[in-house]
Amino acid sequence: MSTNETKPSTDERVTAALAHGVVIAYGLGAVGAAVIWLLQKEKSRYVAFQALQAAVYQLAGLLVQL
């Protein structure tokens, strides 16, 4: 089975990792990931998916803590 999707570039992988890593900044996890999603959603499908995934994960964690 072959796919037509290309591998993400190094810059895309770093930006996606940043979206997930922003959780280190206390209280900014979901906000930081959402900002990255807003800035990248038209540029890179891969980064947009990873950033949105990180934002949802951080919001879910926040709700569990409440």
PDB file of N, CA and C in Angstrom:
ATOM      1  N   MET A   1       0.844  -1.182   0.000  1.00  0.00           N
ATOM      2  CA  MET A   1       0.000   0.000   0.000  1.00  0.00           C
ATOM      3  C   MET A   1       0.884   1.237   0.000  1.00  0.00           C
ATOM      4  N   SER A   2       0.692   2.084  -0.958  1.00  0.00           N
ATOM      5  CA  SER A   2       1.494   3.303  -1.021  1.00  0.00           C
ATOM      6  C   SER A   2       0.614   4.508  -0.729  1.00  0.00           C
ATOM      7  N   THR A   3       1.250   5.530  -0.205  1.00  0.00           N
ATOM      8  CA  THR A   3       0.526   6.769   0.079  1.00  0.00           C
ATOM      9  C   THR A   3       1.164   7.899  -0.700  1.00  0.00           C
ATOM     10  N   ASN A   4       0.391   8.909  -0.965  1.00  0.00           N
ATOM     11  CA  ASN A   4       0.882  10.069  -1.699  1.00  0.00           C
ATOM     12  C   ASN A   4       1.395  11.160  -0.782  1.00  0.00           C
ATOM     13  N   GLU A   5       1.324  10.925   0.512  1.00  0.00           N
ATOM     14  CA  GLU A   5       1.766  11.941   1.457  1.00  0.00           C
ATOM     15  C   GLU A   5       3.286  11.980   1.508  1.00  0.00           C
ATOM     16  N   THR A   6       3.815  13.181   1.582  1.00  0.00           N
ATOM     17  CA  THR A   6       5.260  13.329   1.698  1.00  0.00           C
ATOM     18  C   THR A   6       5.638  13.376   3.170  1.00  0.00           C
ATOM     19  N   LYS A   7       6.871  13.065   3.434  1.00  0.00           N
ATOM     20  CA  LYS A   7       7.352  13.133   4.812  1.00  0.00           C
ATOM     21  C   LYS A   7       7.471  14.593   5.221  1.00  0.00           C
ATOM     22  N   PRO A   8       7.170  14.891   6.488  1.00  0.00           N
ATOM     23  CA  PRO A   8       7.305  16.278   6.951  1.00  0.00           C
ATOM     24  C   PRO A   8       8.774  16.703   6.942  1.00  0.00           C
ATOM     25  N   SER A   9       8.982  17.966   6.657  1.00  0.00           N
ATOM     26  CA  SER A   9      10.343  18.509   6.661  1.00  0.00           C
ATOM     27  C   SER A   9      10.846  18.628   8.098  1.00  0.00           C
ATOM     28  N   THR A  10      12.119  18.896   8.216  1.00  0.00           N
ATOM     29  CA  THR A  10      12.705  19.080   9.545  1.00  0.00           C
ATOM     30  C   THR A  10      12.039  20.244  10.264  1.00  0.00           C
ATOM     31  N   ASP A  11      11.798  21.341   9.558  1.00  0.00           N
ATOM     32  CA  ASP A  11      11.138  22.498  10.171  1.00  0.00           C
ATOM     33  C   ASP A  11       9.735  22.144  10.661  1.00  0.00           C
ATOM     34  N   GLU A  12       9.012  21.363   9.875  1.00  0.00           N
ATOM     35  CA  GLU A  12       7.668  20.961  10.288  1.00  0.00           C
ATOM     36  C   GLU A  12       7.716  20.071  11.527  1.00  0.00           C
ATOM     37  N   ARG A  13       8.657  19.166  11.570  1.00  0.00           N
ATOM     38  CA  ARG A  13       8.778  18.283  12.739  1.00  0.00           C
ATOM     39  C   ARG A  13       9.159  19.072  13.988  1.00  0.00           C
ATOM     40  N   VAL A  14      10.040  20.051  13.837  1.00  0.00           N
ATOM     41  CA  VAL A  14      10.446  20.870  14.987  1.00  0.00           C
ATOM     42  C   VAL A  14       9.267  21.703  15.485  1.00  0.00           C
ATOM     43  N   THR A  15       8.509  22.284  14.561  1.00  0.00           N
ATOM     44  CA  THR A  15       7.350  23.087  14.954  1.00  0.00           C
ATOM     45  C   THR A  15       6.298  22.219  15.639  1.00  0.00           C
ATOM     46  N   ALA A  16       6.083  21.019  15.134  1.00  0.00           N
ATOM     47  CA  ALA A  16       5.135  20.095  15.767  1.00  0.00           C
ATOM     48  C   ALA A  16       5.610  19.708  17.164  1.00  0.00           C
ATOM     49  N   ALA A  17       6.894  19.467  17.305  1.00  0.00           N
ATOM     50  CA  ALA A  17       7.445  19.139  18.625  1.00  0.00           C
ATOM     51  C   ALA A  17       7.290  20.315  19.580  1.00  0.00           C
ATOM     52  N   LEU A  18       7.453  21.526  19.069  1.00  0.00           N
ATOM     53  CA  LEU A  18       7.268  22.723  19.888  1.00  0.00           C
ATOM     54  C   LEU A  18       5.823  22.810  20.378  1.00  0.00           C
ATOM     55  N   ALA A  19       4.873  22.482  19.511  1.00  0.00           N
ATOM     56  CA  ALA A  19       3.457  22.505  19.903  1.00  0.00           C
ATOM     57  C   ALA A  19       3.203  21.548  21.063  1.00  0.00           C
ATOM     58  N   HIS A  20       3.837  20.396  21.026  1.00  0.00           N
ATOM     59  CA  HIS A  20       3.675  19.430  22.116  1.00  0.00           C
ATOM     60  C   HIS A  20       4.517  19.824  23.329  1.00  0.00           C
ATOM     61  N   GLY A  21       5.662  20.433  23.097  1.00  0.00           N
ATOM     62  CA  GLY A  21       6.578  20.765  24.182  1.00  0.00           C
ATOM     63  C   GLY A  21       6.223  22.012  24.957  1.00  0.00           C
ATOM     64  N   VAL A  22       5.321  22.828  24.423  1.00  0.00           N
ATOM     65  CA  VAL A  22       4.957  24.073  25.093  1.00  0.00           C
ATOM     66  C   VAL A  22       4.263  23.804  26.431  1.00  0.00           C
ATOM     67  N   VAL A  23       3.890  22.565  26.680  1.00  0.00           N
ATOM     68  CA  VAL A  23       3.274  22.194  27.954  1.00  0.00           C
ATOM     69  C   VAL A  23       4.207  22.486  29.121  1.00  0.00           C
ATOM     70  N   ILE A  24       5.487  22.547  28.862  1.00  0.00           N
ATOM     71  CA  ILE A  24       6.465  22.832  29.915  1.00  0.00           C
ATOM     72  C   ILE A  24       6.211  24.208  30.527  1.00  0.00           C
ATOM     73  N   ALA A  25       5.758  25.157  29.718  1.00  0.00           N
ATOM     74  CA  ALA A  25       5.434  26.495  30.212  1.00  0.00           C
ATOM     75  C   ALA A  25       4.094  26.401  30.942  1.00  0.00           C
ATOM     76  N   TYR A  26       4.136  26.448  32.247  1.00  0.00           N
ATOM     77  CA  TYR A  26       2.956  26.225  33.080  1.00  0.00           C
ATOM     78  C   TYR A  26       1.783  27.106  32.651  1.00  0.00           C
ATOM     79  N   GLY A  27       0.668  26.490  32.383  1.00  0.00           N
ATOM     80  CA  GLY A  27      -0.544  27.211  32.043  1.00  0.00           C
ATOM     81  C   GLY A  27      -0.654  27.650  30.598  1.00  0.00           C
ATOM     82  N   LEU A  28       0.384  27.449  29.814  1.00  0.00           N
ATOM     83  CA  LEU A  28       0.349  27.904  28.428  1.00  0.00           C
ATOM     84  C   LEU A  28       0.257  26.761  27.429  1.00  0.00           C
ATOM     85  N   GLY A  29       0.104  25.545  27.901  1.00  0.00           N
ATOM     86  CA  GLY A  29       0.098  24.389  27.015  1.00  0.00           C
ATOM     87  C   GLY A  29      -0.933  24.480  25.908  1.00  0.00           C
ATOM     88  N   ALA A  30      -2.195  24.607  26.266  1.00  0.00           N
ATOM     89  CA  ALA A  30      -3.261  24.650  25.273  1.00  0.00           C
ATOM     90  C   ALA A  30      -3.216  25.937  24.466  1.00  0.00           C
ATOM     91  N   VAL A  31      -2.917  27.043  25.112  1.00  0.00           N
ATOM     92  CA  VAL A  31      -2.868  28.331  24.417  1.00  0.00           C
ATOM     93  C   VAL A  31      -1.727  28.349  23.403  1.00  0.00           C
ATOM     94  N   GLY A  32      -0.560  27.913  23.825  1.00  0.00           N
ATOM     95  CA  GLY A  32       0.590  27.891  22.921  1.00  0.00           C
ATOM     96  C   GLY A  32       0.361  26.981  21.735  1.00  0.00           C
ATOM     97  N   ALA A  33      -0.194  25.804  21.982  1.00  0.00           N
ATOM     98  CA  ALA A  33      -0.484  24.872  20.894  1.00  0.00           C
ATOM     99  C   ALA A  33      -1.550  25.443  19.960  1.00  0.00           C
ATOM    100  N   ALA A  34      -2.549  26.113  20.519  1.00  0.00           N
ATOM    101  CA  ALA A  34      -3.594  26.722  19.689  1.00  0.00           C
ATOM    102  C   ALA A  34      -3.035  27.850  18.830  1.00  0.00           C
ATOM    103  N   VAL A  35      -2.118  28.624  19.378  1.00  0.00           N
ATOM    104  CA  VAL A  35      -1.487  29.702  18.598  1.00  0.00           C
ATOM    105  C   VAL A  35      -0.692  29.107  17.440  1.00  0.00           C
ATOM    106  N   ILE A  36       0.054  28.056  17.710  1.00  0.00           N
ATOM    107  CA  ILE A  36       0.811  27.397  16.640  1.00  0.00           C
ATOM    108  C   ILE A  36      -0.150  26.856  15.584  1.00  0.00           C
ATOM    109  N   TRP A  37      -1.263  26.276  16.027  1.00  0.00           N
ATOM    110  CA  TRP A  37      -2.250  25.776  15.073  1.00  0.00           C
ATOM    111  C   TRP A  37      -2.790  26.910  14.202  1.00  0.00           C
ATOM    112  N   LEU A  38      -3.144  28.031  14.827  1.00  0.00           N
ATOM    113  CA  LEU A  38      -3.678  29.161  14.064  1.00  0.00           C
ATOM    114  C   LEU A  38      -2.679  29.689  13.037  1.00  0.00           C
ATOM    115  N   LEU A  39      -1.408  29.716  13.417  1.00  0.00           N
ATOM    116  CA  LEU A  39      -0.384  30.240  12.517  1.00  0.00           C
ATOM    117  C   LEU A  39      -0.007  29.262  11.408  1.00  0.00           C
ATOM    118  N   GLN A  40      -0.168  27.982  11.647  1.00  0.00           N
ATOM    119  CA  GLN A  40       0.320  26.978  10.700  1.00  0.00           C
ATOM    120  C   GLN A  40      -0.770  26.219   9.941  1.00  0.00           C
ATOM    121  N   LYS A  41      -2.035  26.434  10.268  1.00  0.00           N
ATOM    122  CA  LYS A  41      -3.093  25.602   9.687  1.00  0.00           C
ATOM    123  C   LYS A  41      -3.187  25.703   8.164  1.00  0.00           C
ATOM    124  N   GLU A  42      -2.813  26.825   7.594  1.00  0.00           N
ATOM    125  CA  GLU A  42      -2.844  26.978   6.139  1.00  0.00           C
ATOM    126  C   GLU A  42      -1.522  26.582   5.487  1.00  0.00           C
ATOM    127  N   LYS A  43      -0.464  26.483   6.273  1.00  0.00           N
ATOM    128  CA  LYS A  43       0.870  26.229   5.722  1.00  0.00           C
ATOM    129  C   LYS A  43       1.226  24.754   5.698  1.00  0.00           C
ATOM    130  N   SER A  44       0.894  24.041   6.763  1.00  0.00           N
ATOM    131  CA  SER A  44       1.324  22.649   6.883  1.00  0.00           C
ATOM    132  C   SER A  44       0.241  21.817   7.548  1.00  0.00           C
ATOM    133  N   ARG A  45      -0.265  20.864   6.815  1.00  0.00           N
ATOM    134  CA  ARG A  45      -1.295  19.976   7.357  1.00  0.00           C
ATOM    135  C   ARG A  45      -0.745  19.164   8.530  1.00  0.00           C
ATOM    136  N   TYR A  46       0.496  18.735   8.427  1.00  0.00           N
ATOM    137  CA  TYR A  46       1.130  17.942   9.483  1.00  0.00           C
ATOM    138  C   TYR A  46       1.242  18.744  10.776  1.00  0.00           C
ATOM    139  N   VAL A  47       1.780  19.956  10.688  1.00  0.00           N
ATOM    140  CA  VAL A  47       1.949  20.791  11.883  1.00  0.00           C
ATOM    141  C   VAL A  47       0.582  21.155  12.459  1.00  0.00           C
ATOM    142  N   ALA A  48      -0.367  21.480  11.596  1.00  0.00           N
ATOM    143  CA  ALA A  48      -1.702  21.835  12.074  1.00  0.00           C
ATOM    144  C   ALA A  48      -2.327  20.681  12.855  1.00  0.00           C
ATOM    145  N   PHE A  49      -2.201  19.470  12.340  1.00  0.00           N
ATOM    146  CA  PHE A  49      -2.755  18.308  13.037  1.00  0.00           C
ATOM    147  C   PHE A  49      -2.081  18.101  14.385  1.00  0.00           C
ATOM    148  N   GLN A  50      -0.760  18.168  14.406  1.00  0.00           N
ATOM    149  CA  GLN A  50      -0.019  17.949  15.650  1.00  0.00           C
ATOM    150  C   GLN A  50      -0.340  19.032  16.682  1.00  0.00           C
ATOM    151  N   ALA A  51      -0.425  20.283  16.243  1.00  0.00           N
ATOM    152  CA  ALA A  51      -0.716  21.387  17.162  1.00  0.00           C
ATOM    153  C   ALA A  51      -2.135  21.280  17.711  1.00  0.00           C
ATOM    154  N   LEU A  52      -3.086  20.942  16.858  1.00  0.00           N
ATOM    155  CA  LEU A  52      -4.467  20.784  17.321  1.00  0.00           C
ATOM    156  C   LEU A  52      -4.572  19.600  18.282  1.00  0.00           C
ATOM    157  N   GLN A  53      -3.873  18.538  17.971  1.00  0.00           N
ATOM    158  CA  GLN A  53      -3.843  17.378  18.859  1.00  0.00           C
ATOM    159  C   GLN A  53      -3.273  17.762  20.226  1.00  0.00           C
ATOM    160  N   ALA A  54      -2.205  18.528  20.235  1.00  0.00           N
ATOM    161  CA  ALA A  54      -1.595  18.963  21.493  1.00  0.00           C
ATOM    162  C   ALA A  54      -2.549  19.861  22.280  1.00  0.00           C
ATOM    163  N   ALA A  55      -3.233  20.774  21.592  1.00  0.00           N
ATOM    164  CA  ALA A  55      -4.167  21.680  22.265  1.00  0.00           C
ATOM    165  C   ALA A  55      -5.319  20.905  22.902  1.00  0.00           C
ATOM    166  N   VAL A  56      -5.879  19.963  22.168  1.00  0.00           N
ATOM    167  CA  VAL A  56      -6.987  19.162  22.697  1.00  0.00           C
ATOM    168  C   VAL A  56      -6.516  18.334  23.888  1.00  0.00           C
ATOM    169  N   TYR A  57      -5.345  17.753  23.775  1.00  0.00           N
ATOM    170  CA  TYR A  57      -4.792  16.951  24.868  1.00  0.00           C
ATOM    171  C   TYR A  57      -4.598  17.810  26.120  1.00  0.00           C
ATOM    172  N   GLN A  58      -4.076  19.013  25.947  1.00  0.00           N
ATOM    173  CA  GLN A  58      -3.844  19.895  27.093  1.00  0.00           C
ATOM    174  C   GLN A  58      -5.159  20.355  27.713  1.00  0.00           C
ATOM    175  N   LEU A  59      -6.155  20.651  26.886  1.00  0.00           N
ATOM    176  CA  LEU A  59      -7.463  21.039  27.420  1.00  0.00           C
ATOM    177  C   LEU A  59      -8.115  19.882  28.173  1.00  0.00           C
ATOM    178  N   ALA A  60      -7.986  18.680  27.647  1.00  0.00           N
ATOM    179  CA  ALA A  60      -8.533  17.507  28.336  1.00  0.00           C
ATOM    180  C   ALA A  60      -7.848  17.312  29.688  1.00  0.00           C
ATOM    181  N   GLY A  61      -6.542  17.479  29.717  1.00  0.00           N
ATOM    182  CA  GLY A  61      -5.809  17.364  30.979  1.00  0.00           C
ATOM    183  C   GLY A  61      -6.236  18.418  31.980  1.00  0.00           C
ATOM    184  N   LEU A  62      -6.477  19.626  31.492  1.00  0.00           N
ATOM    185  CA  LEU A  62      -6.929  20.708  32.360  1.00  0.00           C
ATOM    186  C   LEU A  62      -8.299  20.386  32.952  1.00  0.00           C
ATOM    187  N   LEU A  63      -9.200  19.876  32.133  1.00  0.00           N
ATOM    188  CA  LEU A  63     -10.534  19.523  32.620  1.00  0.00           C
ATOM    189  C   LEU A  63     -10.480  18.395  33.646  1.00  0.00           C
ATOM    190  N   VAL A  64      -9.595  17.448  33.448  1.00  0.00           N
ATOM    191  CA  VAL A  64      -9.451  16.347  34.403  1.00  0.00           C
ATOM    192  C   VAL A  64      -8.942  16.876  35.742  1.00  0.00           C
ATOM    193  N   GLN A  65      -8.053  17.848  35.699  1.00  0.00           N
ATOM    194  CA  GLN A  65      -7.498  18.414  36.933  1.00  0.00           C
ATOM    195  C   GLN A  65      -8.525  19.220  37.710  1.00  0.00           C
ATOM    196  N   LEU A  66      -9.492  19.785  37.022  1.00  0.00           N
ATOM    197  CA  LEU A  66     -10.514  20.573  37.706  1.00  0.00           C
ATOM    198  C   LEU A  66     -11.423  19.637  38.445  1.00  0.00           C
TER     199      LEU A  66
END
